[in-house]
Amino acid sequence: MQDLGKKIKMLRQQNGWSQGDVAKRLDISVPAFSKIETGVTDINLSRLEQIVSIFNISVVELLTSETPEQNLARIDELKQARSKVDDYAAQILTLQQQVISLHEELRRVSNE
């Protein structure tokens, strides 16, 4: 929970808001908000929804350490890696078929 609190604090600071500003938007006391930032208080789903709404971000953005752009870049990397794996699998299949053909040819030549 402390990492989440740190992220909330970072977002608050990026917006130039005080703890009081955010606490007022959440309709809670400053000490209660401070406990969220320090990880003392666990955040329930409704509070999480309020927080993401205030900062105009998604729950995923709040709960992950990566930005949406980084997530998209990672998806592209994974797609490229998957494509390479598929290419290698096709090459392996071709090589297996060639080995089988050569083995059958060798057996045929040996029997002659």
PDB file of N, CA and C in Angstrom:
ATOM      1  N   MET A   1       0.813  -1.201   0.000  1.00  0.00           N
ATOM      2  CA  MET A   1       0.000   0.000   0.000  1.00  0.00           C
ATOM      3  C   MET A   1       0.859   1.269   0.000  1.00  0.00           C
ATOM      4  N   GLN A   2       2.082   1.178   0.506  1.00  0.00           N
ATOM      5  CA  GLN A   2       2.921   2.368   0.544  1.00  0.00           C
ATOM      6  C   GLN A   2       3.270   2.850  -0.855  1.00  0.00           C
ATOM      7  N   ASP A   3       3.482   1.899  -1.798  1.00  0.00           N
ATOM      8  CA  ASP A   3       3.783   2.306  -3.175  1.00  0.00           C
ATOM      9  C   ASP A   3       2.610   3.068  -3.774  1.00  0.00           C
ATOM     10  N   LEU A   4       1.394   2.604  -3.483  1.00  0.00           N
ATOM     11  CA  LEU A   4       0.199   3.287  -3.973  1.00  0.00           C
ATOM     12  C   LEU A   4       0.119   4.679  -3.358  1.00  0.00           C
ATOM     13  N   GLY A   5       0.382   4.768  -2.089  1.00  0.00           N
ATOM     14  CA  GLY A   5       0.378   6.067  -1.419  1.00  0.00           C
ATOM     15  C   GLY A   5       1.406   7.007  -2.007  1.00  0.00           C
ATOM     16  N   LYS A   6       2.594   6.470  -2.304  1.00  0.00           N
ATOM     17  CA  LYS A   6       3.643   7.292  -2.917  1.00  0.00           C
ATOM     18  C   LYS A   6       3.202   7.801  -4.287  1.00  0.00           C
ATOM     19  N   LYS A   7       2.522   6.944  -5.031  1.00  0.00           N
ATOM     20  CA  LYS A   7       2.056   7.359  -6.359  1.00  0.00           C
ATOM     21  C   LYS A   7       0.993   8.442  -6.231  1.00  0.00           C
ATOM     22  N   ILE A   8       0.111   8.291  -5.261  1.00  0.00           N
ATOM     23  CA  ILE A   8      -0.928   9.307  -5.041  1.00  0.00           C
ATOM     24  C   ILE A   8      -0.272  10.631  -4.643  1.00  0.00           C
ATOM     25  N   LYS A   9       0.720  10.570  -3.787  1.00  0.00           N
ATOM     26  CA  LYS A   9       1.432  11.782  -3.375  1.00  0.00           C
ATOM     27  C   LYS A   9       2.111  12.440  -4.578  1.00  0.00           C
ATOM     28  N   MET A  10       2.739  11.628  -5.425  1.00  0.00           N
ATOM     29  CA  MET A  10       3.405  12.155  -6.607  1.00  0.00           C
ATOM     30  C   MET A  10       2.389  12.856  -7.523  1.00  0.00           C
ATOM     31  N   LEU A  11       1.231  12.220  -7.727  1.00  0.00           N
ATOM     32  CA  LEU A  11       0.200  12.813  -8.575  1.00  0.00           C
ATOM     33  C   LEU A  11      -0.302  14.129  -7.977  1.00  0.00           C
ATOM     34  N   ARG A  12      -0.483  14.126  -6.669  1.00  0.00           N
ATOM     35  CA  ARG A  12      -0.933  15.345  -5.989  1.00  0.00           C
ATOM     36  C   ARG A  12       0.082  16.464  -6.197  1.00  0.00           C
ATOM     37  N   GLN A  13       1.338  16.154  -6.015  1.00  0.00           N
ATOM     38  CA  GLN A  13       2.387  17.160  -6.166  1.00  0.00           C
ATOM     39  C   GLN A  13       2.507  17.631  -7.616  1.00  0.00           C
ATOM     40  N   GLN A  14       2.350  16.704  -8.567  1.00  0.00           N
ATOM     41  CA  GLN A  14       2.410  17.087  -9.984  1.00  0.00           C
ATOM     42  C   GLN A  14       1.306  18.081 -10.342  1.00  0.00           C
ATOM     43  N   ASN A  15       0.178  17.952  -9.653  1.00  0.00           N
ATOM     44  CA  ASN A  15      -0.939  18.865  -9.900  1.00  0.00           C
ATOM     45  C   ASN A  15      -0.820  20.161  -9.092  1.00  0.00           C
ATOM     46  N   GLY A  16       0.201  20.225  -8.230  1.00  0.00           N
ATOM     47  CA  GLY A  16       0.391  21.422  -7.428  1.00  0.00           C
ATOM     48  C   GLY A  16      -0.632  21.572  -6.314  1.00  0.00           C
ATOM     49  N   TRP A  17      -1.173  20.450  -5.859  1.00  0.00           N
ATOM     50  CA  TRP A  17      -2.207  20.474  -4.828  1.00  0.00           C
ATOM     51  C   TRP A  17      -1.615  20.141  -3.465  1.00  0.00           C
ATOM     52  N   SER A  18      -2.201  20.710  -2.448  1.00  0.00           N
ATOM     53  CA  SER A  18      -1.829  20.364  -1.077  1.00  0.00           C
ATOM     54  C   SER A  18      -2.646  19.145  -0.649  1.00  0.00           C
ATOM     55  N   GLN A  19      -2.271  18.567   0.485  1.00  0.00           N
ATOM     56  CA  GLN A  19      -3.073  17.461   1.017  1.00  0.00           C
ATOM     57  C   GLN A  19      -4.491  17.942   1.298  1.00  0.00           C
ATOM     58  N   GLY A  20      -4.599  19.177   1.755  1.00  0.00           N
ATOM     59  CA  GLY A  20      -5.919  19.746   2.036  1.00  0.00           C
ATOM     60  C   GLY A  20      -6.779  19.848   0.788  1.00  0.00           C
ATOM     61  N   ASP A  21      -6.149  20.204  -0.346  1.00  0.00           N
ATOM     62  CA  ASP A  21      -6.895  20.304  -1.614  1.00  0.00           C
ATOM     63  C   ASP A  21      -7.511  18.954  -1.989  1.00  0.00           C
ATOM     64  N   VAL A  22      -6.704  17.919  -1.909  1.00  0.00           N
ATOM     65  CA  VAL A  22      -7.189  16.590  -2.295  1.00  0.00           C
ATOM     66  C   VAL A  22      -8.176  16.069  -1.265  1.00  0.00           C
ATOM     67  N   ALA A  23      -7.887  16.289   0.006  1.00  0.00           N
ATOM     68  CA  ALA A  23      -8.796  15.841   1.067  1.00  0.00           C
ATOM     69  C   ALA A  23     -10.176  16.464   0.875  1.00  0.00           C
ATOM     70  N   LYS A  24     -10.200  17.742   0.514  1.00  0.00           N
ATOM     71  CA  LYS A  24     -11.485  18.428   0.290  1.00  0.00           C
ATOM     72  C   LYS A  24     -12.230  17.798  -0.878  1.00  0.00           C
ATOM     73  N   ARG A  25     -11.505  17.488  -1.957  1.00  0.00           N
ATOM     74  CA  ARG A  25     -12.137  16.847  -3.122  1.00  0.00           C
ATOM     75  C   ARG A  25     -12.670  15.452  -2.782  1.00  0.00           C
ATOM     76  N   LEU A  26     -11.988  14.775  -1.870  1.00  0.00           N
ATOM     77  CA  LEU A  26     -12.423  13.437  -1.455  1.00  0.00           C
ATOM     78  C   LEU A  26     -13.450  13.487  -0.325  1.00  0.00           C
ATOM     79  N   ASP A  27     -13.662  14.675   0.210  1.00  0.00           N
ATOM     80  CA  ASP A  27     -14.578  14.875   1.340  1.00  0.00           C
ATOM     81  C   ASP A  27     -14.135  14.067   2.560  1.00  0.00           C
ATOM     82  N   ILE A  28     -12.826  14.145   2.837  1.00  0.00           N
ATOM     83  CA  ILE A  28     -12.259  13.518   4.033  1.00  0.00           C
ATOM     84  C   ILE A  28     -11.337  14.523   4.713  1.00  0.00           C
ATOM     85  N   SER A  29     -10.909  14.210   5.914  1.00  0.00           N
ATOM     86  CA  SER A  29     -10.010  15.105   6.643  1.00  0.00           C
ATOM     87  C   SER A  29      -8.595  15.007   6.079  1.00  0.00           C
ATOM     88  N   VAL A  30      -7.807  16.035   6.352  1.00  0.00           N
ATOM     89  CA  VAL A  30      -6.405  16.028   5.929  1.00  0.00           C
ATOM     90  C   VAL A  30      -5.655  14.866   6.574  1.00  0.00           C
ATOM     91  N   PRO A  31      -5.840  14.614   7.895  1.00  0.00           N
ATOM     92  CA  PRO A  31      -5.147  13.460   8.485  1.00  0.00           C
ATOM     93  C   PRO A  31      -5.539  12.128   7.834  1.00  0.00           C
ATOM     94  N   ALA A  32      -6.810  12.002   7.456  1.00  0.00           N
ATOM     95  CA  ALA A  32      -7.249  10.766   6.795  1.00  0.00           C
ATOM     96  C   ALA A  32      -6.554  10.617   5.440  1.00  0.00           C
ATOM     97  N   PHE A  33      -6.426  11.726   4.699  1.00  0.00           N
ATOM     98  CA  PHE A  33      -5.737  11.659   3.416  1.00  0.00           C
ATOM     99  C   PHE A  33      -4.252  11.395   3.609  1.00  0.00           C
ATOM    100  N   SER A  34      -3.680  11.990   4.615  1.00  0.00           N
ATOM    101  CA  SER A  34      -2.264  11.764   4.918  1.00  0.00           C
ATOM    102  C   SER A  34      -2.007  10.276   5.165  1.00  0.00           C
ATOM    103  N   LYS A  35      -2.930   9.623   5.845  1.00  0.00           N
ATOM    104  CA  LYS A  35      -2.794   8.187   6.118  1.00  0.00           C
ATOM    105  C   LYS A  35      -2.859   7.369   4.825  1.00  0.00           C
ATOM    106  N   ILE A  36      -3.621   7.858   3.853  1.00  0.00           N
ATOM    107  CA  ILE A  36      -3.666   7.178   2.546  1.00  0.00           C
ATOM    108  C   ILE A  36      -2.304   7.300   1.866  1.00  0.00           C
ATOM    109  N   GLU A  37      -1.753   8.510   1.867  1.00  0.00           N
ATOM    110  CA  GLU A  37      -0.456   8.742   1.218  1.00  0.00           C
ATOM    111  C   GLU A  37       0.679   7.962   1.879  1.00  0.00           C
ATOM    112  N   THR A  38       0.610   7.808   3.177  1.00  0.00           N
ATOM    113  CA  THR A  38       1.694   7.107   3.885  1.00  0.00           C
ATOM    114  C   THR A  38       1.480   5.601   3.932  1.00  0.00           C
ATOM    115  N   GLY A  39       0.319   5.135   3.433  1.00  0.00           N
ATOM    116  CA  GLY A  39       0.055   3.706   3.396  1.00  0.00           C
ATOM    117  C   GLY A  39      -0.476   3.139   4.696  1.00  0.00           C
ATOM    118  N   VAL A  40      -0.824   4.007   5.629  1.00  0.00           N
ATOM    119  CA  VAL A  40      -1.364   3.537   6.907  1.00  0.00           C
ATOM    120  C   VAL A  40      -2.790   3.021   6.717  1.00  0.00           C
ATOM    121  N   THR A  41      -3.541   3.698   5.857  1.00  0.00           N
ATOM    122  CA  THR A  41      -4.935   3.334   5.603  1.00  0.00           C
ATOM    123  C   THR A  41      -5.055   2.578   4.285  1.00  0.00           C
ATOM    124  N   ASP A  42      -5.733   1.449   4.325  1.00  0.00           N
ATOM    125  CA  ASP A  42      -6.025   0.720   3.093  1.00  0.00           C
ATOM    126  C   ASP A  42      -7.132   1.453   2.333  1.00  0.00           C
ATOM    127  N   ILE A  43      -7.045   1.408   1.027  1.00  0.00           N
ATOM    128  CA  ILE A  43      -8.014   2.114   0.188  1.00  0.00           C
ATOM    129  C   ILE A  43      -9.039   1.111  -0.327  1.00  0.00           C
ATOM    130  N   ASN A  44     -10.316   1.426  -0.122  1.00  0.00           N
ATOM    131  CA  ASN A  44     -11.355   0.555  -0.672  1.00  0.00           C
ATOM    132  C   ASN A  44     -11.651   0.969  -2.118  1.00  0.00           C
ATOM    133  N   LEU A  45     -12.464   0.171  -2.787  1.00  0.00           N
ATOM    134  CA  LEU A  45     -12.716   0.388  -4.213  1.00  0.00           C
ATOM    135  C   LEU A  45     -13.373   1.732  -4.485  1.00  0.00           C
ATOM    136  N   SER A  46     -14.331   2.125  -3.668  1.00  0.00           N
ATOM    137  CA  SER A  46     -15.004   3.406  -3.918  1.00  0.00           C
ATOM    138  C   SER A  46     -14.036   4.579  -3.734  1.00  0.00           C
ATOM    139  N   ARG A  47     -13.151   4.491  -2.761  1.00  0.00           N
ATOM    140  CA  ARG A  47     -12.154   5.553  -2.553  1.00  0.00           C
ATOM    141  C   ARG A  47     -11.166   5.567  -3.728  1.00  0.00           C
ATOM    142  N   LEU A  48     -10.798   4.378  -4.197  1.00  0.00           N
ATOM    143  CA  LEU A  48      -9.899   4.273  -5.349  1.00  0.00           C
ATOM    144  C   LEU A  48     -10.530   4.948  -6.569  1.00  0.00           C
ATOM    145  N   GLU A  49     -11.817   4.711  -6.778  1.00  0.00           N
ATOM    146  CA  GLU A  49     -12.519   5.331  -7.904  1.00  0.00           C
ATOM    147  C   GLU A  49     -12.553   6.851  -7.758  1.00  0.00           C
ATOM    148  N   GLN A  50     -12.745   7.338  -6.536  1.00  0.00           N
ATOM    149  CA  GLN A  50     -12.722   8.783  -6.305  1.00  0.00           C
ATOM    150  C   GLN A  50     -11.351   9.372  -6.652  1.00  0.00           C
ATOM    151  N   ILE A  51     -10.316   8.690  -6.218  1.00  0.00           N
ATOM    152  CA  ILE A  51      -8.950   9.185  -6.425  1.00  0.00           C
ATOM    153  C   ILE A  51      -8.610   9.246  -7.906  1.00  0.00           C
ATOM    154  N   VAL A  52      -8.926   8.182  -8.650  1.00  0.00           N
ATOM    155  CA  VAL A  52      -8.599   8.211 -10.080  1.00  0.00           C
ATOM    156  C   VAL A  52      -9.425   9.265 -10.805  1.00  0.00           C
ATOM    157  N   SER A  53     -10.631   9.490 -10.326  1.00  0.00           N
ATOM    158  CA  SER A  53     -11.467  10.518 -10.932  1.00  0.00           C
ATOM    159  C   SER A  53     -10.870  11.912 -10.707  1.00  0.00           C
ATOM    160  N   ILE A  54     -10.392  12.156  -9.515  1.00  0.00           N
ATOM    161  CA  ILE A  54      -9.786  13.460  -9.190  1.00  0.00           C
ATOM    162  C   ILE A  54      -8.554  13.728 -10.053  1.00  0.00           C
ATOM    163  N   PHE A  55      -7.738  12.696 -10.233  1.00  0.00           N
ATOM    164  CA  PHE A  55      -6.500  12.874 -11.001  1.00  0.00           C
ATOM    165  C   PHE A  55      -6.701  12.616 -12.495  1.00  0.00           C
ATOM    166  N   ASN A  56      -7.920  12.243 -12.870  1.00  0.00           N
ATOM    167  CA  ASN A  56      -8.273  12.006 -14.274  1.00  0.00           C
ATOM    168  C   ASN A  56      -7.363  10.956 -14.916  1.00  0.00           C
ATOM    169  N   ILE A  57      -7.206   9.825 -14.218  1.00  0.00           N
ATOM    170  CA  ILE A  57      -6.426   8.699 -14.726  1.00  0.00           C
ATOM    171  C   ILE A  57      -7.248   7.433 -14.533  1.00  0.00           C
ATOM    172  N   SER A  58      -6.786   6.340 -15.117  1.00  0.00           N
ATOM    173  CA  SER A  58      -7.488   5.066 -14.946  1.00  0.00           C
ATOM    174  C   SER A  58      -6.954   4.342 -13.711  1.00  0.00           C
ATOM    175  N   VAL A  59      -7.719   3.376 -13.244  1.00  0.00           N
ATOM    176  CA  VAL A  59      -7.278   2.562 -12.116  1.00  0.00           C
ATOM    177  C   VAL A  59      -5.983   1.843 -12.473  1.00  0.00           C
ATOM    178  N   VAL A  60      -5.886   1.374 -13.709  1.00  0.00           N
ATOM    179  CA  VAL A  60      -4.674   0.673 -14.158  1.00  0.00           C
ATOM    180  C   VAL A  60      -3.468   1.600 -14.066  1.00  0.00           C
ATOM    181  N   GLU A  61      -3.629   2.834 -14.501  1.00  0.00           N
ATOM    182  CA  GLU A  61      -2.519   3.793 -14.434  1.00  0.00           C
ATOM    183  C   GLU A  61      -2.084   4.033 -12.995  1.00  0.00           C
ATOM    184  N   LEU A  62      -3.059   4.060 -12.085  1.00  0.00           N
ATOM    185  CA  LEU A  62      -2.717   4.292 -10.685  1.00  0.00           C
ATOM    186  C   LEU A  62      -2.034   3.075 -10.072  1.00  0.00           C
ATOM    187  N   LEU A  63      -2.488   1.892 -10.434  1.00  0.00           N
ATOM    188  CA  LEU A  63      -1.982   0.681  -9.795  1.00  0.00           C
ATOM    189  C   LEU A  63      -0.710   0.135 -10.429  1.00  0.00           C
ATOM    190  N   THR A  64      -0.363   0.597 -11.623  1.00  0.00           N
ATOM    191  CA  THR A  64       0.871   0.133 -12.256  1.00  0.00           C
ATOM    192  C   THR A  64       1.907   1.241 -12.220  1.00  0.00           C
ATOM    193  N   SER A  65       3.138   0.832 -12.379  1.00  0.00           N
ATOM    194  CA  SER A  65       4.217   1.822 -12.357  1.00  0.00           C
ATOM    195  C   SER A  65       4.506   2.368 -13.750  1.00  0.00           C
ATOM    196  N   GLU A  66       3.838   1.825 -14.761  1.00  0.00           N
ATOM    197  CA  GLU A  66       4.110   2.252 -16.126  1.00  0.00           C
ATOM    198  C   GLU A  66       3.026   3.196 -16.630  1.00  0.00           C
ATOM    199  N   THR A  67       3.416   4.053 -17.542  1.00  0.00           N
ATOM    200  CA  THR A  67       2.479   4.964 -18.187  1.00  0.00           C
ATOM    201  C   THR A  67       1.763   4.213 -19.307  1.00  0.00           C
ATOM    202  N   PRO A  68       0.649   4.740 -19.805  1.00  0.00           N
ATOM    203  CA  PRO A  68      -0.030   4.087 -20.932  1.00  0.00           C
ATOM    204  C   PRO A  68       0.889   3.930 -22.146  1.00  0.00           C
ATOM    205  N   GLU A  69       1.745   4.915 -22.383  1.00  0.00           N
ATOM    206  CA  GLU A  69       2.668   4.830 -23.510  1.00  0.00           C
ATOM    207  C   GLU A  69       3.649   3.670 -23.315  1.00  0.00           C
ATOM    208  N   GLN A  70       4.118   3.507 -22.078  1.00  0.00           N
ATOM    209  CA  GLN A  70       5.028   2.400 -21.787  1.00  0.00           C
ATOM    210  C   GLN A  70       4.307   1.064 -21.948  1.00  0.00           C
ATOM    211  N   ASN A  71       3.037   1.017 -21.540  1.00  0.00           N
ATOM    212  CA  ASN A  71       2.260  -0.213 -21.712  1.00  0.00           C
ATOM    213  C   ASN A  71       2.105  -0.556 -23.188  1.00  0.00           C
ATOM    214  N   LEU A  72       1.817   0.458 -24.015  1.00  0.00           N
ATOM    215  CA  LEU A  72       1.680   0.225 -25.455  1.00  0.00           C
ATOM    216  C   LEU A  72       3.001  -0.234 -26.062  1.00  0.00           C
ATOM    217  N   ALA A  73       4.084   0.372 -25.611  1.00  0.00           N
ATOM    218  CA  ALA A  73       5.409  -0.025 -26.113  1.00  0.00           C
ATOM    219  C   ALA A  73       5.694  -1.476 -25.729  1.00  0.00           C
ATOM    220  N   ARG A  74       5.340  -1.857 -24.513  1.00  0.00           N
ATOM    221  CA  ARG A  74       5.563  -3.228 -24.061  1.00  0.00           C
ATOM    222  C   ARG A  74       4.703  -4.210 -24.874  1.00  0.00           C
ATOM    223  N   ILE A  75       3.483  -3.810 -25.192  1.00  0.00           N
ATOM    224  CA  ILE A  75       2.616  -4.654 -26.010  1.00  0.00           C
ATOM    225  C   ILE A  75       3.245  -4.854 -27.388  1.00  0.00           C
ATOM    226  N   ASP A  76       3.768  -3.777 -27.968  1.00  0.00           N
ATOM    227  CA  ASP A  76       4.433  -3.885 -29.274  1.00  0.00           C
ATOM    228  C   ASP A  76       5.645  -4.820 -29.192  1.00  0.00           C
ATOM    229  N   GLU A  77       6.422  -4.691 -28.118  1.00  0.00           N
ATOM    230  CA  GLU A  77       7.588  -5.569 -27.937  1.00  0.00           C
ATOM    231  C   GLU A  77       7.152  -7.033 -27.849  1.00  0.00           C
ATOM    232  N   LEU A  78       6.081  -7.265 -27.117  1.00  0.00           N
ATOM    233  CA  LEU A  78       5.591  -8.642 -26.967  1.00  0.00           C
ATOM    234  C   LEU A  78       5.068  -9.195 -28.298  1.00  0.00           C
ATOM    235  N   LYS A  79       4.416  -8.347 -29.082  1.00  0.00           N
ATOM    236  CA  LYS A  79       3.937  -8.776 -30.398  1.00  0.00           C
ATOM    237  C   LYS A  79       5.109  -9.149 -31.302  1.00  0.00           C
ATOM    238  N   GLN A  80       6.168  -8.334 -31.261  1.00  0.00           N
ATOM    239  CA  GLN A  80       7.351  -8.612 -32.076  1.00  0.00           C
ATOM    240  C   GLN A  80       8.018  -9.909 -31.614  1.00  0.00           C
ATOM    241  N   ALA A  81       8.103 -10.094 -30.312  1.00  0.00           N
ATOM    242  CA  ALA A  81       8.706 -11.325 -29.780  1.00  0.00           C
ATOM    243  C   ALA A  81       7.865 -12.528 -30.177  1.00  0.00           C
ATOM    244  N   ARG A  82       6.545 -12.396 -30.115  1.00  0.00           N
ATOM    245  CA  ARG A  82       5.657 -13.497 -30.498  1.00  0.00           C
ATOM    246  C   ARG A  82       5.845 -13.832 -31.973  1.00  0.00           C
ATOM    247  N   SER A  83       5.990 -12.810 -32.796  1.00  0.00           N
ATOM    248  CA  SER A  83       6.211 -13.024 -34.220  1.00  0.00           C
ATOM    249  C   SER A  83       7.511 -13.792 -34.463  1.00  0.00           C
ATOM    250  N   LYS A  84       8.577 -13.426 -33.727  1.00  0.00           N
ATOM    251  CA  LYS A  84       9.855 -14.139 -33.858  1.00  0.00           C
ATOM    252  C   LYS A  84       9.713 -15.593 -33.429  1.00  0.00           C
ATOM    253  N   VAL A  85       9.000 -15.821 -32.345  1.00  0.00           N
ATOM    254  CA  VAL A  85       8.786 -17.191 -31.871  1.00  0.00           C
ATOM    255  C   VAL A  85       8.032 -17.989 -32.930  1.00  0.00           C
ATOM    256  N   ASP A  86       7.012 -17.387 -33.519  1.00  0.00           N
ATOM    257  CA  ASP A  86       6.258 -18.070 -34.571  1.00  0.00           C
ATOM    258  C   ASP A  86       7.159 -18.386 -35.768  1.00  0.00           C
ATOM    259  N   ASP A  87       8.027 -17.433 -36.140  1.00  0.00           N
ATOM    260  CA  ASP A  87       8.964 -17.662 -37.253  1.00  0.00           C
ATOM    261  C   ASP A  87       9.912 -18.810 -36.934  1.00  0.00           C
ATOM    262  N   TYR A  88      10.460 -18.814 -35.719  1.00  0.00           N
ATOM    263  CA  TYR A  88      11.375 -19.888 -35.311  1.00  0.00           C
ATOM    264  C   TYR A  88      10.662 -21.236 -35.283  1.00  0.00           C
ATOM    265  N   ALA A  89       9.428 -21.238 -34.838  1.00  0.00           N
ATOM    266  CA  ALA A  89       8.662 -22.488 -34.799  1.00  0.00           C
ATOM    267  C   ALA A  89       8.454 -23.025 -36.212  1.00  0.00           C
ATOM    268  N   ALA A  90       8.178 -22.131 -37.153  1.00  0.00           N
ATOM    269  CA  ALA A  90       8.011 -22.544 -38.542  1.00  0.00           C
ATOM    270  C   ALA A  90       9.327 -23.089 -39.102  1.00  0.00           C
ATOM    271  N   GLN A  91      10.444 -22.447 -38.766  1.00  0.00           N
ATOM    272  CA  GLN A  91      11.754 -22.923 -39.221  1.00  0.00           C
ATOM    273  C   GLN A  91      12.070 -24.293 -38.623  1.00  0.00           C
ATOM    274  N   ILE A  92      11.751 -24.479 -37.364  1.00  0.00           N
ATOM    275  CA  ILE A  92      11.996 -25.769 -36.708  1.00  0.00           C
ATOM    276  C   ILE A  92      11.167 -26.852 -37.375  1.00  0.00           C
ATOM    277  N   LEU A  93       9.911 -26.551 -37.675  1.00  0.00           N
ATOM    278  CA  LEU A  93       9.054 -27.524 -38.341  1.00  0.00           C
ATOM    279  C   LEU A  93       9.627 -27.910 -39.704  1.00  0.00           C
ATOM    280  N   THR A  94      10.093 -26.923 -40.460  1.00  0.00           N
ATOM    281  CA  THR A  94      10.702 -27.189 -41.762  1.00  0.00           C
ATOM    282  C   THR A  94      11.935 -28.072 -41.614  1.00  0.00           C
ATOM    283  N   LEU A  95      12.781 -27.749 -40.641  1.00  0.00           N
ATOM    284  CA  LEU A  95      13.987 -28.558 -40.408  1.00  0.00           C
ATOM    285  C   LEU A  95      13.629 -29.977 -39.980  1.00  0.00           C
ATOM    286  N   GLN A  96      12.612 -30.120 -39.158  1.00  0.00           N
ATOM    287  CA  GLN A  96      12.189 -31.460 -38.744  1.00  0.00           C
ATOM    288  C   GLN A  96      11.725 -32.276 -39.950  1.00  0.00           C
ATOM    289  N   GLN A  97      10.981 -31.629 -40.819  1.00  0.00           N
ATOM    290  CA  GLN A  97      10.513 -32.316 -42.019  1.00  0.00           C
ATOM    291  C   GLN A  97      11.681 -32.707 -42.912  1.00  0.00           C
ATOM    292  N   GLN A  98      12.688 -31.849 -43.022  1.00  0.00           N
ATOM    293  CA  GLN A  98      13.870 -32.173 -43.815  1.00  0.00           C
ATOM    294  C   GLN A  98      14.641 -33.337 -43.206  1.00  0.00           C
ATOM    295  N   VAL A  99      14.763 -33.369 -41.887  1.00  0.00           N
ATOM    296  CA  VAL A  99      15.462 -34.473 -41.216  1.00  0.00           C
ATOM    297  C   VAL A  99      14.711 -35.778 -41.459  1.00  0.00           C
ATOM    298  N   ILE A 100      13.404 -35.734 -41.365  1.00  0.00           N
ATOM    299  CA  ILE A 100      12.600 -36.943 -41.604  1.00  0.00           C
ATOM    300  C   ILE A 100      12.792 -37.421 -43.037  1.00  0.00           C
ATOM    301  N   SER A 101      12.757 -36.486 -43.981  1.00  0.00           N
ATOM    302  CA  SER A 101      12.950 -36.852 -45.392  1.00  0.00           C
ATOM    303  C   SER A 101      14.327 -37.461 -45.619  1.00  0.00           C
ATOM    304  N   LEU A 102      15.348 -36.837 -45.049  1.00  0.00           N
ATOM    305  CA  LEU A 102      16.711 -37.364 -45.204  1.00  0.00           C
ATOM    306  C   LEU A 102      16.843 -38.731 -44.550  1.00  0.00           C
ATOM    307  N   HIS A 103      16.227 -38.921 -43.416  1.00  0.00           N
ATOM    308  CA  HIS A 103      16.269 -40.210 -42.724  1.00  0.00           C
ATOM    309  C   HIS A 103      15.583 -41.288 -43.578  1.00  0.00           C
ATOM    310  N   GLU A 104      14.441 -40.947 -44.134  1.00  0.00           N
ATOM    311  CA  GLU A 104      13.733 -41.906 -44.988  1.00  0.00           C
ATOM    312  C   GLU A 104      14.548 -42.225 -46.234  1.00  0.00           C
ATOM    313  N   GLU A 105      15.178 -41.215 -46.828  1.00  0.00           N
ATOM    314  CA  GLU A 105      16.013 -41.431 -48.005  1.00  0.00           C
ATOM    315  C   GLU A 105      17.213 -42.305 -47.656  1.00  0.00           C
ATOM    316  N   LEU A 106      17.832 -42.039 -46.519  1.00  0.00           N
ATOM    317  CA  LEU A 106      18.965 -42.848 -46.077  1.00  0.00           C
ATOM    318  C   LEU A 106      18.547 -44.301 -45.861  1.00  0.00           C
ATOM    319  N   ARG A 107      17.410 -44.501 -45.282  1.00  0.00           N
ATOM    320  CA  ARG A 107      16.919 -45.861 -45.050  1.00  0.00           C
ATOM    321  C   ARG A 107      16.642 -46.558 -46.386  1.00  0.00           C
ATOM    322  N   ARG A 108      16.076 -45.826 -47.329  1.00  0.00           N
ATOM    323  CA  ARG A 108      15.786 -46.389 -48.635  1.00  0.00           C
ATOM    324  C   ARG A 108      17.083 -46.773 -49.350  1.00  0.00           C
ATOM    325  N   VAL A 109      18.095 -45.901 -49.286  1.00  0.00           N
ATOM    326  CA  VAL A 109      19.379 -46.170 -49.933  1.00  0.00           C
ATOM    327  C   VAL A 109      20.065 -47.344 -49.258  1.00  0.00           C
ATOM    328  N   SER A 110      19.953 -47.460 -47.950  1.00  0.00           N
ATOM    329  CA  SER A 110      20.588 -48.562 -47.207  1.00  0.00           C
ATOM    330  C   SER A 110      19.960 -49.893 -47.573  1.00  0.00           C
ATOM    331  N   ASN A 111      18.682 -49.885 -47.840  1.00  0.00           N
ATOM    332  CA  ASN A 111      17.984 -51.126 -48.169  1.00  0.00           C
ATOM    333  C   ASN A 111      18.233 -51.576 -49.606  1.00  0.00           C
ATOM    334  N   GLU A 112      18.740 -50.730 -50.412  1.00  0.00           N
ATOM    335  CA  GLU A 112      18.971 -51.105 -51.816  1.00  0.00           C
ATOM    336  C   GLU A 112      20.201 -51.881 -51.997  1.00  0.00           C
TER     337      GLU A 112
END
